[in-house]
Amino acid sequence: MKTIKWGVKTNNSNPLGDSRLNDLYSLVRDFRRGRLPFGWRGNKVFENKYGDLPLRPYAYYTEFYLGTSAESGSLRVVLGFAVPLRLLLD
């Protein structure tokens, strides 16, 4: 199951069309192996403060993002512990 959440300030275009996600399978594989591809940051706990994802115990979700943490709304990938991919776009 894939969950794609479109943010309030988006034009509802498909985020999987973003060229930065061309090889999503490899990207997620690298994240799960603890490798951060060039330009990606994160590997930190996604706290789910606003209930964007289903409620789970603390540290269930891990967040990865492009750019600086201030720019993290640009493109974020949130992985749950042993669950399918979740994409959040602000």
PDB file of N, CA and C in Angstrom:
ATOM      1  N   MET A   1       0.837  -1.176   0.000  1.00  0.00           N
ATOM      2  CA  MET A   1       0.000   0.000   0.000  1.00  0.00           C
ATOM      3  C   MET A   1       0.882   1.239   0.000  1.00  0.00           C
ATOM      4  N   LYS A   2       0.593   2.188  -0.850  1.00  0.00           N
ATOM      5  CA  LYS A   2       1.299   3.462  -0.885  1.00  0.00           C
ATOM      6  C   LYS A   2       0.340   4.551  -0.454  1.00  0.00           C
ATOM      7  N   THR A   3       0.796   5.468   0.366  1.00  0.00           N
ATOM      8  CA  THR A   3      -0.008   6.618   0.748  1.00  0.00           C
ATOM      9  C   THR A   3       0.682   7.850   0.217  1.00  0.00           C
ATOM     10  N   ILE A   4      -0.036   8.632  -0.536  1.00  0.00           N
ATOM     11  CA  ILE A   4       0.478   9.891  -1.055  1.00  0.00           C
ATOM     12  C   ILE A   4      -0.420  10.974  -0.503  1.00  0.00           C
ATOM     13  N   LYS A   5       0.161  11.918   0.213  1.00  0.00           N
ATOM     14  CA  LYS A   5      -0.616  13.009   0.785  1.00  0.00           C
ATOM     15  C   LYS A   5      -0.255  14.288   0.056  1.00  0.00           C
ATOM     16  N   TRP A   6      -1.241  14.918  -0.521  1.00  0.00           N
ATOM     17  CA  TRP A   6      -1.032  16.192  -1.172  1.00  0.00           C
ATOM     18  C   TRP A   6      -1.285  17.275  -0.150  1.00  0.00           C
ATOM     19  N   GLY A   7      -0.415  18.278  -0.088  1.00  0.00           N
ATOM     20  CA  GLY A   7      -0.569  19.352   0.876  1.00  0.00           C
ATOM     21  C   GLY A   7      -1.559  20.401   0.411  1.00  0.00           C
ATOM     22  N   VAL A   8      -1.902  21.253   1.327  1.00  0.00           N
ATOM     23  CA  VAL A   8      -2.866  22.313   1.060  1.00  0.00           C
ATOM     24  C   VAL A   8      -2.367  23.260  -0.017  1.00  0.00           C
ATOM     25  N   LYS A   9      -1.062  23.520  -0.040  1.00  0.00           N
ATOM     26  CA  LYS A   9      -0.502  24.502  -0.966  1.00  0.00           C
ATOM     27  C   LYS A   9       0.023  23.870  -2.250  1.00  0.00           C
ATOM     28  N   THR A  10      -0.460  22.704  -2.614  1.00  0.00           N
ATOM     29  CA  THR A  10       0.007  22.061  -3.841  1.00  0.00           C
ATOM     30  C   THR A  10      -1.062  22.162  -4.915  1.00  0.00           C
ATOM     31  N   ASN A  11      -0.678  21.810  -6.126  1.00  0.00           N
ATOM     32  CA  ASN A  11      -1.634  21.834  -7.225  1.00  0.00           C
ATOM     33  C   ASN A  11      -2.206  20.444  -7.488  1.00  0.00           C
ATOM     34  N   ASN A  12      -2.030  19.526  -6.523  1.00  0.00           N
ATOM     35  CA  ASN A  12      -2.526  18.152  -6.613  1.00  0.00           C
ATOM     36  C   ASN A  12      -1.913  17.358  -7.760  1.00  0.00           C
ATOM     37  N   SER A  13      -0.741  17.774  -8.243  1.00  0.00           N
ATOM     38  CA  SER A  13      -0.069  16.972  -9.259  1.00  0.00           C
ATOM     39  C   SER A  13       0.549  15.761  -8.581  1.00  0.00           C
ATOM     40  N   ASN A  14       0.795  14.739  -9.345  1.00  0.00           N
ATOM     41  CA  ASN A  14       1.319  13.498  -8.801  1.00  0.00           C
ATOM     42  C   ASN A  14       2.766  13.691  -8.358  1.00  0.00           C
ATOM     43  N   PRO A  15       3.069  13.539  -7.056  1.00  0.00           N
ATOM     44  CA  PRO A  15       4.445  13.747  -6.594  1.00  0.00           C
ATOM     45  C   PRO A  15       5.410  12.690  -7.113  1.00  0.00           C
ATOM     46  N   LEU A  16       4.912  11.549  -7.561  1.00  0.00           N
ATOM     47  CA  LEU A  16       5.807  10.527  -8.089  1.00  0.00           C
ATOM     48  C   LEU A  16       6.344  10.920  -9.462  1.00  0.00           C
ATOM     49  N   GLY A  17       5.821  11.986 -10.053  1.00  0.00           N
ATOM     50  CA  GLY A  17       6.351  12.497 -11.308  1.00  0.00           C
ATOM     51  C   GLY A  17       7.581  13.372 -11.104  1.00  0.00           C
ATOM     52  N   ASP A  18       7.921  13.650  -9.849  1.00  0.00           N
ATOM     53  CA  ASP A  18       9.091  14.459  -9.520  1.00  0.00           C
ATOM     54  C   ASP A  18      10.354  13.717  -9.945  1.00  0.00           C
ATOM     55  N   SER A  19      11.213  14.374 -10.708  1.00  0.00           N
ATOM     56  CA  SER A  19      12.416  13.719 -11.238  1.00  0.00           C
ATOM     57  C   SER A  19      13.350  13.232 -10.129  1.00  0.00           C
ATOM     58  N   ARG A  20      13.241  13.820  -8.933  1.00  0.00           N
ATOM     59  CA  ARG A  20      14.088  13.386  -7.817  1.00  0.00           C
ATOM     60  C   ARG A  20      13.684  12.005  -7.305  1.00  0.00           C
ATOM     61  N   LEU A  21      12.543  11.523  -7.763  1.00  0.00           N
ATOM     62  CA  LEU A  21      12.054  10.205  -7.334  1.00  0.00           C
ATOM     63  C   LEU A  21      12.088   9.191  -8.470  1.00  0.00           C
ATOM     64  N   ASN A  22      12.885   9.458  -9.514  1.00  0.00           N
ATOM     65  CA  ASN A  22      12.939   8.556 -10.669  1.00  0.00           C
ATOM     66  C   ASN A  22      13.267   7.122 -10.286  1.00  0.00           C
ATOM     67  N   ASP A  23      14.186   6.939  -9.372  1.00  0.00           N
ATOM     68  CA  ASP A  23      14.578   5.595  -8.950  1.00  0.00           C
ATOM     69  C   ASP A  23      14.200   5.409  -7.484  1.00  0.00           C
ATOM     70  N   LEU A  24      12.923   5.485  -7.213  1.00  0.00           N
ATOM     71  CA  LEU A  24      12.415   5.429  -5.844  1.00  0.00           C
ATOM     72  C   LEU A  24      12.802   4.129  -5.141  1.00  0.00           C
ATOM     73  N   TYR A  25      12.788   3.045  -5.867  1.00  0.00           N
ATOM     74  CA  TYR A  25      13.140   1.753  -5.273  1.00  0.00           C
ATOM     75  C   TYR A  25      14.559   1.785  -4.693  1.00  0.00           C
ATOM     76  N   SER A  26      15.522   2.277  -5.466  1.00  0.00           N
ATOM     77  CA  SER A  26      16.904   2.354  -4.997  1.00  0.00           C
ATOM     78  C   SER A  26      17.058   3.357  -3.859  1.00  0.00           C
ATOM     79  N   LEU A  27      16.330   4.454  -3.953  1.00  0.00           N
ATOM     80  CA  LEU A  27      16.376   5.472  -2.918  1.00  0.00           C
ATOM     81  C   LEU A  27      15.942   4.881  -1.576  1.00  0.00           C
ATOM     82  N   VAL A  28      14.814   4.198  -1.576  1.00  0.00           N
ATOM     83  CA  VAL A  28      14.303   3.589  -0.342  1.00  0.00           C
ATOM     84  C   VAL A  28      15.245   2.491   0.146  1.00  0.00           C
ATOM     85  N   ARG A  29      15.783   1.712  -0.778  1.00  0.00           N
ATOM     86  CA  ARG A  29      16.732   0.656  -0.400  1.00  0.00           C
ATOM     87  C   ARG A  29      17.947   1.264   0.302  1.00  0.00           C
ATOM     88  N   ASP A  30      18.476   2.358  -0.236  1.00  0.00           N
ATOM     89  CA  ASP A  30      19.613   3.028   0.400  1.00  0.00           C
ATOM     90  C   ASP A  30      19.244   3.549   1.789  1.00  0.00           C
ATOM     91  N   PHE A  31      18.082   4.174   1.901  1.00  0.00           N
ATOM     92  CA  PHE A  31      17.639   4.670   3.208  1.00  0.00           C
ATOM     93  C   PHE A  31      17.581   3.532   4.225  1.00  0.00           C
ATOM     94  N   ARG A  32      16.987   2.429   3.835  1.00  0.00           N
ATOM     95  CA  ARG A  32      16.838   1.290   4.754  1.00  0.00           C
ATOM     96  C   ARG A  32      18.192   0.692   5.139  1.00  0.00           C
ATOM     97  N   ARG A  33      19.189   0.857   4.288  1.00  0.00           N
ATOM     98  CA  ARG A  33      20.533   0.347   4.583  1.00  0.00           C
ATOM     99  C   ARG A  33      21.385   1.368   5.331  1.00  0.00           C
ATOM    100  N   GLY A  34      20.803   2.535   5.623  1.00  0.00           N
ATOM    101  CA  GLY A  34      21.528   3.556   6.365  1.00  0.00           C
ATOM    102  C   GLY A  34      22.402   4.451   5.514  1.00  0.00           C
ATOM    103  N   ARG A  35      22.219   4.399   4.191  1.00  0.00           N
ATOM    104  CA  ARG A  35      22.994   5.246   3.277  1.00  0.00           C
ATOM    105  C   ARG A  35      22.150   6.432   2.837  1.00  0.00           C
ATOM    106  N   LEU A  36      22.739   7.600   2.843  1.00  0.00           N
ATOM    107  CA  LEU A  36      22.042   8.792   2.366  1.00  0.00           C
ATOM    108  C   LEU A  36      22.648   9.212   1.036  1.00  0.00           C
ATOM    109  N   PRO A  37      21.891   9.102  -0.058  1.00  0.00           N
ATOM    110  CA  PRO A  37      22.389   9.560  -1.355  1.00  0.00           C
ATOM    111  C   PRO A  37      22.723  11.054  -1.320  1.00  0.00           C
ATOM    112  N   PHE A  38      23.539  11.485  -2.262  1.00  0.00           N
ATOM    113  CA  PHE A  38      23.973  12.886  -2.329  1.00  0.00           C
ATOM    114  C   PHE A  38      22.772  13.830  -2.254  1.00  0.00           C
ATOM    115  N   GLY A  39      22.876  14.831  -1.382  1.00  0.00           N
ATOM    116  CA  GLY A  39      21.830  15.846  -1.251  1.00  0.00           C
ATOM    117  C   GLY A  39      20.751  15.500  -0.241  1.00  0.00           C
ATOM    118  N   TRP A  40      20.636  14.250   0.136  1.00  0.00           N
ATOM    119  CA  TRP A  40      19.612  13.823   1.093  1.00  0.00           C
ATOM    120  C   TRP A  40      20.141  13.928   2.509  1.00  0.00           C
ATOM    121  N   ARG A  41      19.280  14.287   3.424  1.00  0.00           N
ATOM    122  CA  ARG A  41      19.595  14.397   4.848  1.00  0.00           C
ATOM    123  C   ARG A  41      18.518  13.638   5.623  1.00  0.00           C
ATOM    124  N   GLY A  42      18.703  13.593   6.902  1.00  0.00           N
ATOM    125  CA  GLY A  42      17.658  13.015   7.727  1.00  0.00           C
ATOM    126  C   GLY A  42      18.087  11.769   8.456  1.00  0.00           C
ATOM    127  N   ASN A  43      17.306  10.707   8.268  1.00  0.00           N
ATOM    128  CA  ASN A  43      17.440   9.488   9.048  1.00  0.00           C
ATOM    129  C   ASN A  43      17.190   9.834  10.504  1.00  0.00           C
ATOM    130  N   LYS A  44      16.148  10.658  10.698  1.00  0.00           N
ATOM    131  CA  LYS A  44      15.768  11.071  12.043  1.00  0.00           C
ATOM    132  C   LYS A  44      14.313  10.685  12.285  1.00  0.00           C
ATOM    133  N   VAL A  45      13.933  10.673  13.525  1.00  0.00           N
ATOM    134  CA  VAL A  45      12.572  10.288  13.896  1.00  0.00           C
ATOM    135  C   VAL A  45      11.583  11.325  13.372  1.00  0.00           C
ATOM    136  N   PHE A  46      10.552  10.836  12.691  1.00  0.00           N
ATOM    137  CA  PHE A  46       9.440  11.681  12.264  1.00  0.00           C
ATOM    138  C   PHE A  46       8.385  11.563  13.352  1.00  0.00           C
ATOM    139  N   GLU A  47       8.117  12.656  14.047  1.00  0.00           N
ATOM    140  CA  GLU A  47       7.261  12.616  15.227  1.00  0.00           C
ATOM    141  C   GLU A  47       5.771  12.563  14.934  1.00  0.00           C
ATOM    142  N   ASN A  48       5.373  12.832  13.710  1.00  0.00           N
ATOM    143  CA  ASN A  48       3.956  12.764  13.332  1.00  0.00           C
ATOM    144  C   ASN A  48       3.090  13.645  14.245  1.00  0.00           C
ATOM    145  N   LYS A  49       3.592  14.834  14.573  1.00  0.00           N
ATOM    146  CA  LYS A  49       2.904  15.750  15.492  1.00  0.00           C
ATOM    147  C   LYS A  49       1.504  16.130  15.025  1.00  0.00           C
ATOM    148  N   TYR A  50       1.320  16.216  13.728  1.00  0.00           N
ATOM    149  CA  TYR A  50       0.051  16.707  13.195  1.00  0.00           C
ATOM    150  C   TYR A  50      -0.848  15.590  12.687  1.00  0.00           C
ATOM    151  N   GLY A  51      -0.479  14.349  12.970  1.00  0.00           N
ATOM    152  CA  GLY A  51      -1.324  13.218  12.584  1.00  0.00           C
ATOM    153  C   GLY A  51      -1.394  12.995  11.084  1.00  0.00           C
ATOM    154  N   ASP A  52      -0.325  13.330  10.359  1.00  0.00           N
ATOM    155  CA  ASP A  52      -0.308  13.124   8.908  1.00  0.00           C
ATOM    156  C   ASP A  52      -0.382  11.643   8.544  1.00  0.00           C
ATOM    157  N   LEU A  53       0.139  10.792   9.404  1.00  0.00           N
ATOM    158  CA  LEU A  53       0.179   9.349   9.171  1.00  0.00           C
ATOM    159  C   LEU A  53      -0.569   8.639  10.295  1.00  0.00           C
ATOM    160  N   PRO A  54      -0.897   7.367  10.103  1.00  0.00           N
ATOM    161  CA  PRO A  54      -1.579   6.631  11.178  1.00  0.00           C
ATOM    162  C   PRO A  54      -0.758   6.665  12.479  1.00  0.00           C
ATOM    163  N   LEU A  55      -1.447   6.722  13.609  1.00  0.00           N
ATOM    164  CA  LEU A  55      -0.763   6.763  14.897  1.00  0.00           C
ATOM    165  C   LEU A  55       0.008   5.478  15.142  1.00  0.00           C
ATOM    166  N   ARG A  56       1.245   5.645  15.528  1.00  0.00           N
ATOM    167  CA  ARG A  56       2.138   4.531  15.833  1.00  0.00           C
ATOM    168  C   ARG A  56       2.998   4.946  17.018  1.00  0.00           C
ATOM    169  N   PRO A  57       3.693   4.007  17.650  1.00  0.00           N
ATOM    170  CA  PRO A  57       4.583   4.375  18.760  1.00  0.00           C
ATOM    171  C   PRO A  57       5.680   5.333  18.297  1.00  0.00           C
ATOM    172  N   TYR A  58       6.207   6.106  19.257  1.00  0.00           N
ATOM    173  CA  TYR A  58       7.301   7.031  18.972  1.00  0.00           C
ATOM    174  C   TYR A  58       8.453   6.270  18.316  1.00  0.00           C
ATOM    175  N   ALA A  59       9.089   6.887  17.343  1.00  0.00           N
ATOM    176  CA  ALA A  59      10.241   6.354  16.599  1.00  0.00           C
ATOM    177  C   ALA A  59       9.852   5.283  15.585  1.00  0.00           C
ATOM    178  N   TYR A  60       8.567   5.107  15.315  1.00  0.00           N
ATOM    179  CA  TYR A  60       8.119   4.157  14.296  1.00  0.00           C
ATOM    180  C   TYR A  60       8.465   4.662  12.902  1.00  0.00           C
ATOM    181  N   TYR A  61       8.323   5.978  12.694  1.00  0.00           N
ATOM    182  CA  TYR A  61       8.583   6.582  11.399  1.00  0.00           C
ATOM    183  C   TYR A  61       9.944   7.273  11.377  1.00  0.00           C
ATOM    184  N   THR A  62      10.639   7.191  10.238  1.00  0.00           N
ATOM    185  CA  THR A  62      11.909   7.855  10.016  1.00  0.00           C
ATOM    186  C   THR A  62      11.762   8.774   8.809  1.00  0.00           C
ATOM    187  N   GLU A  63      12.296   9.990   8.933  1.00  0.00           N
ATOM    188  CA  GLU A  63      12.158  11.005   7.885  1.00  0.00           C
ATOM    189  C   GLU A  63      13.486  11.247   7.175  1.00  0.00           C
ATOM    190  N   PHE A  64      13.396  11.418   5.850  1.00  0.00           N
ATOM    191  CA  PHE A  64      14.530  11.790   5.017  1.00  0.00           C
ATOM    192  C   PHE A  64      14.075  12.969   4.166  1.00  0.00           C
ATOM    193  N   TYR A  65      14.970  13.900   3.883  1.00  0.00           N
ATOM    194  CA  TYR A  65      14.570  15.086   3.124  1.00  0.00           C
ATOM    195  C   TYR A  65      15.729  15.594   2.284  1.00  0.00           C
ATOM    196  N   LEU A  66      15.383  16.383   1.283  1.00  0.00           N
ATOM    197  CA  LEU A  66      16.374  17.043   0.434  1.00  0.00           C
ATOM    198  C   LEU A  66      16.646  18.431   0.963  1.00  0.00           C
ATOM    199  N   GLY A  67      17.888  18.863   0.879  1.00  0.00           N
ATOM    200  CA  GLY A  67      18.242  20.211   1.300  1.00  0.00           C
ATOM    201  C   GLY A  67      18.493  20.298   2.790  1.00  0.00           C
ATOM    202  N   THR A  68      18.246  21.487   3.343  1.00  0.00           N
ATOM    203  CA  THR A  68      18.427  21.706   4.777  1.00  0.00           C
ATOM    204  C   THR A  68      17.131  21.388   5.497  1.00  0.00           C
ATOM    205  N   SER A  69      17.192  21.293   6.808  1.00  0.00           N
ATOM    206  CA  SER A  69      15.965  20.992   7.545  1.00  0.00           C
ATOM    207  C   SER A  69      14.933  22.103   7.378  1.00  0.00           C
ATOM    208  N   ALA A  70      15.384  23.339   7.170  1.00  0.00           N
ATOM    209  CA  ALA A  70      14.451  24.445   6.927  1.00  0.00           C
ATOM    210  C   ALA A  70      13.699  24.255   5.615  1.00  0.00           C
ATOM    211  N   GLU A  71      14.324  23.556   4.658  1.00  0.00           N
ATOM    212  CA  GLU A  71      13.703  23.307   3.356  1.00  0.00           C
ATOM    213  C   GLU A  71      13.018  21.944   3.300  1.00  0.00           C
ATOM    214  N   SER A  72      12.906  21.279   4.425  1.00  0.00           N
ATOM    215  CA  SER A  72      12.434  19.893   4.409  1.00  0.00           C
ATOM    216  C   SER A  72      11.039  19.727   3.826  1.00  0.00           C
ATOM    217  N   GLY A  73      10.264  20.786   3.773  1.00  0.00           N
ATOM    218  CA  GLY A  73       8.946  20.692   3.164  1.00  0.00           C
ATOM    219  C   GLY A  73       9.001  20.513   1.664  1.00  0.00           C
ATOM    220  N   SER A  74      10.153  20.778   1.069  1.00  0.00           N
ATOM    221  CA  SER A  74      10.314  20.657  -0.368  1.00  0.00           C
ATOM    222  C   SER A  74      10.024  19.234  -0.841  1.00  0.00           C
ATOM    223  N   LEU A  75      10.669  18.281  -0.239  1.00  0.00           N
ATOM    224  CA  LEU A  75      10.424  16.873  -0.567  1.00  0.00           C
ATOM    225  C   LEU A  75      10.892  16.040   0.605  1.00  0.00           C
ATOM    226  N   ARG A  76       9.979  15.300   1.188  1.00  0.00           N
ATOM    227  CA  ARG A  76      10.308  14.424   2.311  1.00  0.00           C
ATOM    228  C   ARG A  76       9.835  13.018   2.008  1.00  0.00           C
ATOM    229  N   VAL A  77      10.600  12.054   2.451  1.00  0.00           N
ATOM    230  CA  VAL A  77      10.209  10.650   2.369  1.00  0.00           C
ATOM    231  C   VAL A  77      10.175  10.146   3.800  1.00  0.00           C
ATOM    232  N   VAL A  78       9.062   9.570   4.205  1.00  0.00           N
ATOM    233  CA  VAL A  78       8.912   9.043   5.557  1.00  0.00           C
ATOM    234  C   VAL A  78       8.698   7.542   5.445  1.00  0.00           C
ATOM    235  N   LEU A  79       9.569   6.799   6.100  1.00  0.00           N
ATOM    236  CA  LEU A  79       9.472   5.344   6.108  1.00  0.00           C
ATOM    237  C   LEU A  79       9.053   4.875   7.482  1.00  0.00           C
ATOM    238  N   GLY A  80       8.114   3.946   7.510  1.00  0.00           N
ATOM    239  CA  GLY A  80       7.727   3.325   8.764  1.00  0.00           C
ATOM    240  C   GLY A  80       8.522   2.055   8.966  1.00  0.00           C
ATOM    241  N   PHE A  81       8.623   1.636  10.187  1.00  0.00           N
ATOM    242  CA  PHE A  81       9.354   0.422  10.510  1.00  0.00           C
ATOM    243  C   PHE A  81       8.695  -0.762   9.821  1.00  0.00           C
ATOM    244  N   ALA A  82       9.390  -1.337   8.841  1.00  0.00           N
ATOM    245  CA  ALA A  82       8.929  -2.536   8.124  1.00  0.00           C
ATOM    246  C   ALA A  82       7.542  -2.377   7.515  1.00  0.00           C
ATOM    247  N   VAL A  83       7.258  -1.178   7.021  1.00  0.00           N
ATOM    248  CA  VAL A  83       5.984  -0.942   6.329  1.00  0.00           C
ATOM    249  C   VAL A  83       6.279  -0.331   4.977  1.00  0.00           C
ATOM    250  N   PRO A  84       5.297  -0.296   4.090  1.00  0.00           N
ATOM    251  CA  PRO A  84       5.496   0.320   2.772  1.00  0.00           C
ATOM    252  C   PRO A  84       5.819   1.803   2.870  1.00  0.00           C
ATOM    253  N   LEU A  85       6.253   2.348   1.776  1.00  0.00           N
ATOM    254  CA  LEU A  85       6.665   3.727   1.642  1.00  0.00           C
ATOM    255  C   LEU A  85       5.509   4.699   1.858  1.00  0.00           C
ATOM    256  N   ARG A  86       5.799   5.825   2.487  1.00  0.00           N
ATOM    257  CA  ARG A  86       4.858   6.924   2.628  1.00  0.00           C
ATOM    258  C   ARG A  86       5.551   8.183   2.128  1.00  0.00           C
ATOM    259  N   LEU A  87       4.869   8.962   1.323  1.00  0.00           N
ATOM    260  CA  LEU A  87       5.406  10.241   0.833  1.00  0.00           C
ATOM    261  C   LEU A  87       4.579  11.360   1.402  1.00  0.00           C
ATOM    262  N   LEU A  88       5.203  12.391   1.911  1.00  0.00           N
ATOM    263  CA  LEU A  88       4.497  13.566   2.397  1.00  0.00           C
ATOM    264  C   LEU A  88       5.029  14.777   1.664  1.00  0.00           C
ATOM    265  N   LEU A  89       4.135  15.529   1.100  1.00  0.00           N
ATOM    266  CA  LEU A  89       4.503  16.777   0.423  1.00  0.00           C
ATOM    267  C   LEU A  89       3.734  17.905   1.073  1.00  0.00           C
ATOM    268  N   ASP A  90       4.426  18.953   1.451  1.00  0.00           N
ATOM    269  CA  ASP A  90       3.761  20.109   2.058  1.00  0.00           C
ATOM    270  C   ASP A  90       3.379  21.099   0.993  1.00  0.00           C
TER     271      ASP A  90
END
